[in-house]
Protein backbone atom coordinates (compact mmCIF):
# COMPACT_ATOMS: atom_id res chain seq x y z
CA MET A 1 0.00 0.00 0.00
CA SER A 2 1.13 3.53 -0.75
CA ASN A 3 -0.26 6.64 0.94
CA SER A 4 1.37 10.01 0.27
CA TYR A 5 -1.02 11.99 2.52
CA THR A 6 0.11 13.16 5.95
CA ILE A 7 -2.08 14.58 8.70
CA GLY A 8 -2.14 18.37 8.49
CA ALA A 9 -1.04 18.57 4.86
CA SER A 10 -3.05 21.07 2.84
CA ASP A 11 -3.22 22.63 -0.59
CA ARG A 12 -4.89 25.67 -2.13
CA ARG A 13 -6.57 25.16 -5.48
CA PRO A 14 -8.25 27.60 -7.88
CA TRP A 15 -11.65 26.41 -6.57
CA GLY A 16 -10.82 26.40 -2.83
CA GLY A 17 -8.61 23.93 -0.98
CA TRP A 18 -8.19 20.83 1.16
CA THR A 19 -6.64 19.70 4.44
CA VAL A 20 -5.79 16.13 5.48
CA LEU A 21 -7.53 15.33 8.79
CA ASP A 22 -6.35 11.73 9.17
CA SER A 23 -4.30 9.22 7.22
CA GLY A 24 -3.11 5.65 7.56
CA PRO A 25 -2.53 2.41 5.63
CA GLY A 26 -5.19 2.29 2.91
CA PHE A 27 -7.11 5.44 3.89
CA ALA A 28 -7.01 9.24 3.96
CA VAL A 29 -9.59 11.72 5.27
CA LYS A 30 -9.73 15.26 3.85
CA ARG A 31 -11.79 18.36 4.61
CA ILE A 32 -12.47 20.02 1.26
CA LEU A 33 -13.79 23.55 0.76
CA VAL A 34 -15.22 24.68 -2.58
CA ALA A 35 -15.67 28.46 -2.76
CA PRO A 36 -18.74 30.01 -4.42
CA GLY A 37 -18.35 29.66 -8.19
CA GLY A 38 -15.68 26.96 -7.76
CA VAL A 39 -15.73 23.68 -9.63
CA LEU A 40 -13.38 20.72 -9.33
CA SER A 41 -12.10 19.10 -12.51
CA LEU A 42 -14.16 16.35 -14.10
CA GLN A 43 -11.98 13.42 -13.07
CA ARG A 44 -11.54 9.79 -12.16
CA HIS A 45 -9.09 7.72 -10.13
CA ARG A 46 -7.65 4.31 -10.97
CA HIS A 47 -6.57 3.25 -7.50
CA ARG A 48 -9.00 4.70 -4.98
CA ALA A 49 -12.63 4.94 -4.00
CA GLU A 50 -14.05 8.00 -2.27
CA VAL A 51 -17.00 8.72 -0.01
CA TRP A 52 -18.04 12.36 0.26
CA THR A 53 -20.20 13.65 3.10
CA ILE A 54 -21.48 17.18 2.58
CA VAL A 55 -21.30 19.19 5.80
CA GLY A 56 -22.01 22.73 4.52
CA GLY A 57 -23.59 24.40 1.51
CA VAL A 58 -25.25 22.77 -1.47
CA ALA A 59 -23.04 21.00 -4.01
CA GLU A 60 -23.80 20.15 -7.60
CA VAL A 61 -22.50 16.60 -7.93
CA THR A 62 -21.60 14.90 -11.20
CA LEU A 63 -21.37 11.13 -10.81
CA GLY A 64 -21.10 9.23 -14.07
CA GLU A 65 -24.02 10.42 -16.21
CA MET A 66 -25.99 11.81 -13.24
CA VAL A 67 -25.95 15.44 -12.09
CA PHE A 68 -27.76 16.26 -8.83
CA ALA A 69 -27.74 18.56 -5.80
CA ALA A 70 -26.48 17.35 -2.42
CA GLY A 71 -26.66 19.22 0.87
CA ALA A 72 -25.53 18.86 4.47
CA GLY A 73 -25.82 15.31 5.77
CA GLU A 74 -25.88 13.65 2.34
CA SER A 75 -23.18 11.18 1.28
CA ILE A 76 -21.98 10.15 -2.16
CA ARG A 77 -19.89 7.07 -2.99
CA VAL A 78 -17.42 7.31 -5.88
CA ALA A 79 -16.08 3.97 -7.15
CA PRO A 80 -12.63 3.61 -8.74
CA LEU A 81 -12.71 4.75 -12.41
CA GLU A 82 -16.09 6.48 -11.91
CA ILE A 83 -16.20 9.97 -13.48
CA HIS A 84 -17.04 12.64 -10.92
CA ARG A 85 -16.85 16.29 -9.83
CA ILE A 86 -18.33 18.79 -7.38
CA ALA A 87 -19.33 22.35 -8.26
CA ASN A 88 -20.53 25.20 -6.05
CA HIS A 89 -23.12 27.40 -7.74
CA GLY A 90 -24.32 28.85 -4.43
CA ALA A 91 -23.39 31.93 -2.40
CA GLN A 92 -21.82 30.07 0.55
CA ASP A 93 -18.88 27.68 0.76
CA VAL A 94 -19.48 24.00 0.06
CA VAL A 95 -17.61 21.92 2.62
CA PHE A 96 -17.37 18.15 2.49
CA ILE A 97 -15.42 15.38 4.16
CA GLU A 98 -13.78 12.98 1.73
CA VAL A 99 -12.74 9.50 2.85
CA GLN A 100 -10.38 7.86 0.37
CA THR A 101 -9.68 4.13 0.45
CA GLY A 102 -7.39 2.10 -1.78
CA ALA A 103 -3.97 0.59 -2.34
CA ILE A 104 -2.50 3.82 -3.80
CA LEU A 105 -3.49 7.19 -2.34
CA ASP A 106 -1.75 10.06 -4.09
CA GLU A 107 -2.59 13.28 -5.95
CA ALA A 108 -0.95 11.71 -9.04
CA ASP A 109 -3.96 9.37 -9.22
CA ILE A 110 -6.14 12.16 -10.63
CA GLU A 111 -6.98 11.81 -14.31
CA ARG A 112 -8.52 15.14 -15.33
CA LEU A 113 -10.98 14.81 -18.21
CA SER A 114 -12.11 18.45 -18.21
CA ASP A 115 -11.02 21.44 -16.13
CA ASP A 116 -12.22 25.06 -15.96
CA TYR A 117 -8.73 26.18 -14.87
CA GLY A 118 -6.68 24.70 -17.75
CA ARG A 119 -5.11 21.84 -15.76
CA VAL A 120 -5.98 19.01 -18.20
């Protein structure tokens, strides 16, 4: 197993940012903030699954062919290789907790299919 995330690590992104809350063999837990107007890249991962739990704001979730709204208390499961993204079209921050599980946990396991910020 390979996990490059360390507790307390963080990164700013054009759409907001993330902080690692916990990490261990085969798992990582992040707090992710998406600012109003922010949108993550349309992406997929080869080596990890994710579970998102929305804790603030209302997110527009793309999961495969589905697009739907999710608010506080709702959870979304993203399987390996499943195309996904979160967008914030509201006026307040969208905050969600992401639990990653898998044999390889690393930012290099992001395959961007489309990106509003030119990172494809």
